[in-house]
Amino acid sequence: MKKLVLAAALTAAASTAFAGSLADPIIEAPVIVEEATSSSAGVLVPLLILVLVAAALAD
């Protein structure tokens, strides 16, 4: 009976000692969220400059 208890105790101690693995942990890549920009943003500045030039010429 003592040998059975000793074997159970050694088995429990050994299973906790080898609970981890030697394999590298899987690390998920971070999620990158890009903000969408409208195509009118590139047109807005030249149109504003054109309006200012037209206003300056009208004076």
Protein backbone atom coordinates (compact mmCIF):
# COMPACT_ATOMS: atom_id res chain seq x y z
CA MET A 1 0.00 0.00 0.00
CA LYS A 2 2.88 2.35 0.81
CA LYS A 3 4.40 1.74 -2.61
CA LEU A 4 1.08 2.65 -4.29
CA VAL A 5 0.85 5.94 -2.35
CA LEU A 6 4.52 6.71 -3.10
CA ALA A 7 3.98 5.99 -6.80
CA ALA A 8 0.91 8.23 -6.87
CA ALA A 9 2.79 11.04 -5.14
CA LEU A 10 5.74 10.78 -7.54
CA THR A 11 3.39 10.70 -10.52
CA ALA A 12 1.61 13.84 -9.31
CA ALA A 13 4.92 15.62 -8.72
CA ALA A 14 6.28 14.60 -12.13
CA SER A 15 3.15 15.68 -14.00
CA THR A 16 3.36 19.21 -12.59
CA ALA A 17 7.07 19.39 -13.39
CA PHE A 18 6.43 18.66 -17.09
CA ALA A 19 3.24 20.67 -17.44
CA GLY A 20 4.82 23.15 -19.89
CA SER A 21 6.16 22.30 -23.31
CA LEU A 22 9.39 23.12 -25.07
CA ALA A 23 7.58 24.44 -28.14
CA ASP A 24 7.57 28.18 -28.73
CA PRO A 25 4.33 29.89 -27.69
CA ILE A 26 2.03 31.00 -30.48
CA ILE A 27 1.85 34.79 -30.49
CA GLU A 28 -0.87 36.33 -32.62
CA ALA A 29 0.04 39.28 -34.80
CA PRO A 30 -1.44 42.61 -33.68
CA VAL A 31 -4.41 43.84 -35.64
CA ILE A 32 -3.66 47.04 -37.54
CA VAL A 33 -6.67 49.14 -38.45
CA GLU A 34 -6.12 51.70 -41.16
CA GLU A 35 -8.44 54.65 -41.28
CA ALA A 36 -10.09 55.09 -44.64
CA THR A 37 -9.55 58.42 -46.33
CA SER A 38 -11.77 59.72 -49.05
CA SER A 39 -10.37 60.62 -52.43
CA SER A 40 -11.87 64.11 -52.21
CA ALA A 41 -9.26 65.08 -49.59
CA GLY A 42 -6.64 65.44 -52.31
CA VAL A 43 -8.97 67.61 -54.42
CA LEU A 44 -10.12 69.92 -51.65
CA VAL A 45 -6.86 71.86 -51.23
CA PRO A 46 -6.37 72.71 -54.93
CA LEU A 47 -10.03 73.76 -55.21
CA LEU A 48 -9.63 76.03 -52.19
CA ILE A 49 -6.51 77.61 -53.72
CA LEU A 50 -8.36 78.09 -57.02
CA VAL A 51 -11.23 79.86 -55.22
CA LEU A 52 -8.78 82.13 -53.39
CA VAL A 53 -6.95 82.99 -56.64
CA ALA A 54 -10.25 83.67 -58.39
CA ALA A 55 -11.34 85.95 -55.52
CA ALA A 56 -8.02 87.80 -55.67
CA LEU A 57 -8.34 88.32 -59.43
CA ALA A 58 -11.94 89.51 -59.11
CA ASP A 59 -10.90 92.47 -56.94
